[in-house]
Every structure is written in structure tokens, then in C-alpha cells.
């Protein structure tokens, strides 16, 4: 067992950390998760502001100064 950890200890720790990070990211980004809800709210707010400013189909066009 000691020899196993001496040879593959770094790899085992690396794999454990990667699996833990994937699990954390999966929980955070889950449907109706905190980050997903905040990101959806951000996009909705941006779209509403663009539409209120007279955007075309949700896309705002600001012409360059040379075309004004």
C-alpha cells in the first residue's frame, strides 16, 4: 500500500480534486440552482432594458460616430 501511494499518490490526489470540482460545479449549475437563476435574471433584465430603449428584436444597434 505504501508503494502504491508513493508511485501514484499525486495522480490519486489530482483525480480526487477534479472529481470534487466537477461535483461542486454540477451542484451550482443545476437547474434552478443559484448561479443559473442569477444568470437567467441577468439576461432577462438586460433584454428588458434593451427592449425599453427601443431595441430591434432584442438587439441594440448603435451606429458609429461617422454614420450619425
Protein backbone atom coordinates (compact mmCIF):
# COMPACT_ATOMS: atom_id res chain seq x y z
CA UNK A 1 0.00 0.00 0.00
CA UNK A 2 2.86 2.37 0.85
CA UNK A 3 4.47 1.69 -2.51
CA UNK A 4 1.17 2.36 -4.28
CA UNK A 5 0.85 5.80 -2.67
CA UNK A 6 4.50 6.61 -3.32
CA UNK A 7 4.10 5.88 -7.04
CA UNK A 8 0.55 7.07 -7.67
CA UNK A 9 -0.18 9.43 -4.76
CA UNK A 10 -0.07 12.56 -6.92
CA UNK A 11 -2.35 11.06 -9.55
CA UNK A 12 -4.85 9.87 -6.92
CA UNK A 13 -4.99 13.33 -5.32
CA UNK A 14 -5.35 15.02 -8.72
CA UNK A 15 -8.23 12.75 -9.73
CA UNK A 16 -9.95 13.29 -6.36
CA UNK A 17 -9.69 17.08 -6.72
CA UNK A 18 -11.02 17.02 -10.30
CA UNK A 19 -13.98 14.82 -9.30
CA UNK A 20 -14.74 17.15 -6.36
CA UNK A 21 -14.63 20.23 -8.63
CA UNK A 22 -16.94 18.60 -11.16
CA UNK A 23 -19.37 17.71 -8.38
CA UNK A 24 -19.34 21.27 -6.99
CA UNK A 25 -19.85 22.82 -10.43
CA UNK A 26 -22.68 20.38 -11.17
CA UNK A 27 -24.48 21.30 -7.95
CA UNK A 28 -24.00 25.05 -8.52
CA UNK A 29 -25.09 24.97 -12.17
CA UNK A 30 -28.02 22.60 -11.61
CA UNK A 31 -31.42 23.58 -12.95
CA UNK A 32 -32.90 26.20 -10.63
CA UNK A 33 -29.53 26.43 -8.91
CA UNK A 34 -28.30 29.73 -7.51
CA UNK A 35 -25.92 30.59 -10.34
CA UNK A 36 -28.36 29.51 -13.05
CA UNK A 37 -31.14 31.61 -11.51
CA UNK A 38 -28.90 34.67 -11.20
CA UNK A 39 -27.67 34.31 -14.81
CA UNK A 40 -31.22 33.96 -16.12
CA UNK A 41 -32.31 37.03 -14.16
CA UNK A 42 -29.35 38.99 -15.54
CA UNK A 43 -30.20 38.10 -19.14
CA UNK A 44 -33.88 38.89 -18.61
CA UNK A 45 -33.04 42.30 -17.12
CA UNK A 46 -30.69 43.12 -19.99
CA UNK A 47 -33.29 42.11 -22.58
CA UNK A 48 -35.98 44.21 -20.88
CA UNK A 49 -33.70 47.27 -20.81
CA UNK A 50 -32.80 46.87 -24.47
CA UNK A 51 -36.46 46.46 -25.42
CA UNK A 52 -37.40 49.52 -23.34
CA UNK A 53 -34.70 51.54 -25.10
CA UNK A 54 -36.24 50.69 -28.48
CA UNK A 55 -34.06 47.80 -29.49
CA UNK A 56 -34.72 45.83 -32.66
CA UNK A 57 -35.75 42.30 -31.74
CA UNK A 58 -33.70 42.39 -28.56
CA UNK A 59 -30.55 43.54 -30.34
CA UNK A 60 -29.42 47.12 -29.84
CA UNK A 61 -27.65 48.85 -32.73
CA UNK A 62 -25.59 51.94 -32.06
CA UNK A 63 -24.20 53.39 -35.27
CA UNK A 64 -20.59 54.56 -35.31
CA UNK A 65 -20.00 58.29 -34.98
CA UNK A 66 -19.20 58.57 -38.69
CA UNK A 67 -22.74 57.43 -39.57
CA UNK A 68 -24.63 59.71 -37.17
